[in-house]
C-alpha atoms as a PDB file:
ATOM      1  CA  MET A   1     216.017 167.577 -30.283  1.00  0.00           C
ATOM      2  CA  ALA A   2     215.603 167.848 -26.864  1.00  0.00           C
ATOM      3  CA  ALA A   3     216.562 170.978 -26.793  1.00  0.00           C
ATOM      4  CA  MET A   4     213.943 171.470 -29.970  1.00  0.00           C
ATOM      5  CA  ARG A   5     211.070 170.166 -27.843  1.00  0.00           C
ATOM      6  CA  TYR A   6     212.220 172.548 -24.832  1.00  0.00           C
ATOM      7  CA  ARG A   7     212.320 175.386 -26.939  1.00  0.00           C
ATOM      8  CA  LEU A   8     208.828 174.198 -28.924  1.00  0.00           C
ATOM      9  CA  THR A   9     207.484 173.966 -24.385  1.00  0.00           C
ATOM     10  CA  PHE A  10     208.952 177.010 -24.144  1.00  0.00           C
ATOM     11  CA  VAL A  11     207.129 179.200 -27.052  1.00  0.00           C
ATOM     12  CA  ALA A  12     203.695 177.214 -26.017  1.00  0.00           C
ATOM     13  CA  GLY A  13     203.865 178.671 -22.258  1.00  0.00           C
ATOM     14  CA  VAL A  14     204.299 182.026 -23.654  1.00  0.00           C
ATOM     15  CA  VAL A  15     201.827 181.948 -26.008  1.00  0.00           C
ATOM     16  CA  LEU A  16     199.422 180.661 -23.480  1.00  0.00           C
ATOM     17  CA  GLY A  17     200.505 182.865 -20.284  1.00  0.00           C
ATOM     18  CA  TYR A  18     200.056 186.039 -23.113  1.00  0.00           C
ATOM     19  CA  VAL A  19     196.699 183.983 -24.349  1.00  0.00           C
ATOM     20  CA  LEU A  20     195.487 183.957 -20.432  1.00  0.00           C
ATOM     21  CA  GLY A  21     197.331 187.127 -19.531  1.00  0.00           C
ATOM     22  CA  THR A  22     194.894 189.288 -22.520  1.00  0.00           C
ATOM     23  CA  ARG A  23     192.149 188.008 -21.024  1.00  0.00           C
ATOM     24  CA  ALA A  24     192.333 188.698 -17.788  1.00  0.00           C
ATOM     25  CA  GLY A  25     193.738 191.998 -18.337  1.00  0.00           C
ATOM     26  CA  ARG A  26     190.414 192.851 -21.060  1.00  0.00           C
ATOM     27  CA  GLU A  27     188.617 192.000 -18.200  1.00  0.00           C
ATOM     28  CA  ARG A  28     189.935 193.940 -15.626  1.00  0.00           C
ATOM     29  CA  TYR A  29     189.417 196.661 -18.251  1.00  0.00           C
ATOM     30  CA  GLU A  30     185.914 195.849 -19.007  1.00  0.00           C
ATOM     31  CA  GLN A  31     184.688 196.256 -15.094  1.00  0.00           C
ATOM     32  CA  LEU A  32     187.411 199.247 -14.729  1.00  0.00           C
ATOM     33  CA  LYS A  33     185.425 200.888 -17.865  1.00  0.00           C
ATOM     34  CA  LYS A  34     182.082 199.747 -16.108  1.00  0.00           C
ATOM     35  CA  SER A  35     182.749 200.826 -12.449  1.00  0.00           C
ATOM     36  CA  ALA A  36     183.573 204.364 -14.499  1.00  0.00           C
ATOM     37  CA  ARG A  37     180.132 204.773 -15.801  1.00  0.00           C
ATOM     38  CA  GLN A  38     178.467 203.516 -13.089  1.00  0.00           C
ATOM     39  CA  PHE A  39     180.508 206.604 -11.387  1.00  0.00           C
ATOM     40  CA  ALA A  40     179.980 209.492 -13.793  1.00  0.00           C
ATOM     41  CA  GLN A  41     175.897 208.496 -13.487  1.00  0.00           C
ATOM     42  CA  ASN A  42     175.964 208.897 -10.104  1.00  0.00           C
ATOM     43  CA  PRO A  43     173.775 211.669  -9.583  1.00  0.00           C
ATOM     44  CA  ALA A  44     175.597 212.818  -6.979  1.00  0.00           C
ATOM     45  CA  VAL A  45     179.261 213.154  -8.802  1.00  0.00           C
ATOM     46  CA  ARG A  46     177.017 214.824 -11.660  1.00  0.00           C
ATOM     47  CA  ASN A  47     175.920 217.544  -9.114  1.00  0.00           C
ATOM     48  CA  THR A  48     179.227 217.931  -7.480  1.00  0.00           C
ATOM     49  CA  ALA A  49     180.604 218.466 -11.232  1.00  0.00           C
ATOM     50  CA  GLU A  50     178.021 220.589 -12.827  1.00  0.00           C
ATOM     51  CA  THR A  51     178.061 222.878  -9.463  1.00  0.00           C
ATOM     52  CA  ALA A  52     181.822 222.711  -9.686  1.00  0.00           C
ATOM     53  CA  ALA A  53     181.324 223.873 -13.124  1.00  0.00           C
ATOM     54  CA  HIS A  54     179.033 226.520 -12.640  1.00  0.00           C
ATOM     55  CA  GLN A  55     181.313 227.981 -10.218  1.00  0.00           C
ATOM     56  CA  GLY A  56     184.569 227.487 -12.538  1.00  0.00           C
ATOM     57  CA  ARG A  57     182.357 229.675 -14.819  1.00  0.00           C
ATOM     58  CA  GLU A  58     181.781 232.383 -12.041  1.00  0.00           C
ATOM     59  CA  PHE A  59     185.185 232.735 -11.551  1.00  0.00           C
ATOM     60  CA  ALA A  60     186.225 233.357 -14.803  1.00  0.00           C
ATOM     61  CA  GLY A  61     183.282 235.658 -15.744  1.00  0.00           C
ATOM     62  CA  LYS A  62     184.259 237.825 -12.807  1.00  0.00           C
ATOM     63  CA  ALA A  63     188.165 236.972 -12.627  1.00  0.00           C
ATOM     64  CA  TYR A  64     187.818 238.946 -16.428  1.00  0.00           C
ATOM     65  CA  HIS A  65     185.734 242.150 -15.395  1.00  0.00           C
ATOM     66  CA  VAL A  66     188.213 242.842 -12.712  1.00  0.00           C
ATOM     67  CA  VAL A  67     191.210 242.391 -14.691  1.00  0.00           C
ATOM     68  CA  SER A  68     189.440 243.700 -17.913  1.00  0.00           C
ATOM     69  CA  ASP A  69     188.477 246.867 -14.711  1.00  0.00           C
ATOM     70  CA  LYS A  70     192.737 246.872 -14.162  1.00  0.00           C
ATOM     71  CA  VAL A  71     193.716 247.223 -17.888  1.00  0.00           C
ATOM     72  CA  GLY A  72     191.247 248.847 -19.450  1.00  0.00           C
ATOM     73  CA  ASP A  73     191.521 248.761 -23.269  1.00  0.00           C
ATOM     74  CA  ARG A  74     194.561 246.421 -23.215  1.00  0.00           C
ATOM     75  CA  VAL A  75     192.960 243.327 -23.185  1.00  0.00           C
ATOM     76  CA  PRO A  76     193.016 241.810 -26.795  1.00  0.00           C
ATOM     77  CA  GLU A  77     189.601 242.010 -28.869  1.00  0.00           C
ATOM     78  CA  SER A  78     190.219 238.099 -29.753  1.00  0.00           C
ATOM     79  CA  VAL A  79     190.292 237.692 -25.896  1.00  0.00           C
ATOM     80  CA  ALA A  80     187.423 239.756 -25.496  1.00  0.00           C
ATOM     81  CA  ASP A  81     185.377 238.051 -28.344  1.00  0.00           C
ATOM     82  CA  ARG A  82     185.888 234.490 -26.555  1.00  0.00           C
ATOM     83  CA  VAL A  83     184.836 235.368 -22.874  1.00  0.00           C
ATOM     84  CA  ARG A  84     181.656 237.077 -24.808  1.00  0.00           C
ATOM     85  CA  HIS A  85     180.653 234.431 -26.773  1.00  0.00           C
ATOM     86  CA  LEU A  86     181.955 231.763 -23.667  1.00  0.00           C
ATOM     87  CA  ARG A  87     179.007 234.047 -21.583  1.00  0.00           C
ATOM     88  CA  ASP A  88     176.646 233.851 -24.598  1.00  0.00           C
ATOM     89  CA  ARG A  89     176.675 230.081 -24.635  1.00  0.00           C
ATOM     90  CA  ALA A  90     176.085 229.461 -21.248  1.00  0.00           C
ATOM     91  CA  THR A  91     173.056 232.035 -21.176  1.00  0.00           C
ATOM     92  CA  HIS A  92     171.396 230.616 -24.256  1.00  0.00           C
ATOM     93  CA  ASN A  93     171.734 226.715 -22.592  1.00  0.00           C
ATOM     94  CA  GLY A  94     170.569 227.871 -19.184  1.00  0.00           C
ATOM     95  CA  GLY A  95     173.972 227.818 -18.057  1.00  0.00           C
ATOM     96  CA  GLU A  96     174.272 224.096 -18.593  1.00  0.00           C
ATOM     97  CA  ASP A  97     177.093 222.101 -20.277  1.00  0.00           C
ATOM     98  CA  ASP A  98     177.361 218.626 -22.005  1.00  0.00           C
ATOM     99  CA  TRP A  99     179.708 216.859 -19.772  1.00  0.00           C
ATOM    100  CA  GLY A 100     178.985 213.834 -19.925  1.00  0.00           C
ATOM    101  CA  THR A 101     176.592 213.532 -22.641  1.00  0.00           C
ATOM    102  CA  THR A 102     177.974 211.386 -25.327  1.00  0.00           C
ATOM    103  CA  ASN A 103     176.492 212.515 -28.891  1.00  0.00           C
ATOM    104  CA  THR A 104     175.337 209.421 -30.742  1.00  0.00           C
END
């Protein structure tokens, strides 16, 4: 009978610990999520990310031209088509990407 009481006490302790731990974990998760959202919406962070994306696109374009000049017609047409598509997309979007936006 005493063993049963200890088992029941142990199980109740495990359940209580799980519930309290889950609640604390959920609160911490919500804090982290809120902090990440605030960080991503910070104008300085957004400007830095947009600048990095723009510089990356410029670098990729220059690299493509350097490589295509060196290899000539040996660039697969599928690669050339993809690069043209990305360049056209950037041109039509005013050079901006959709980083940080959500579609609802």
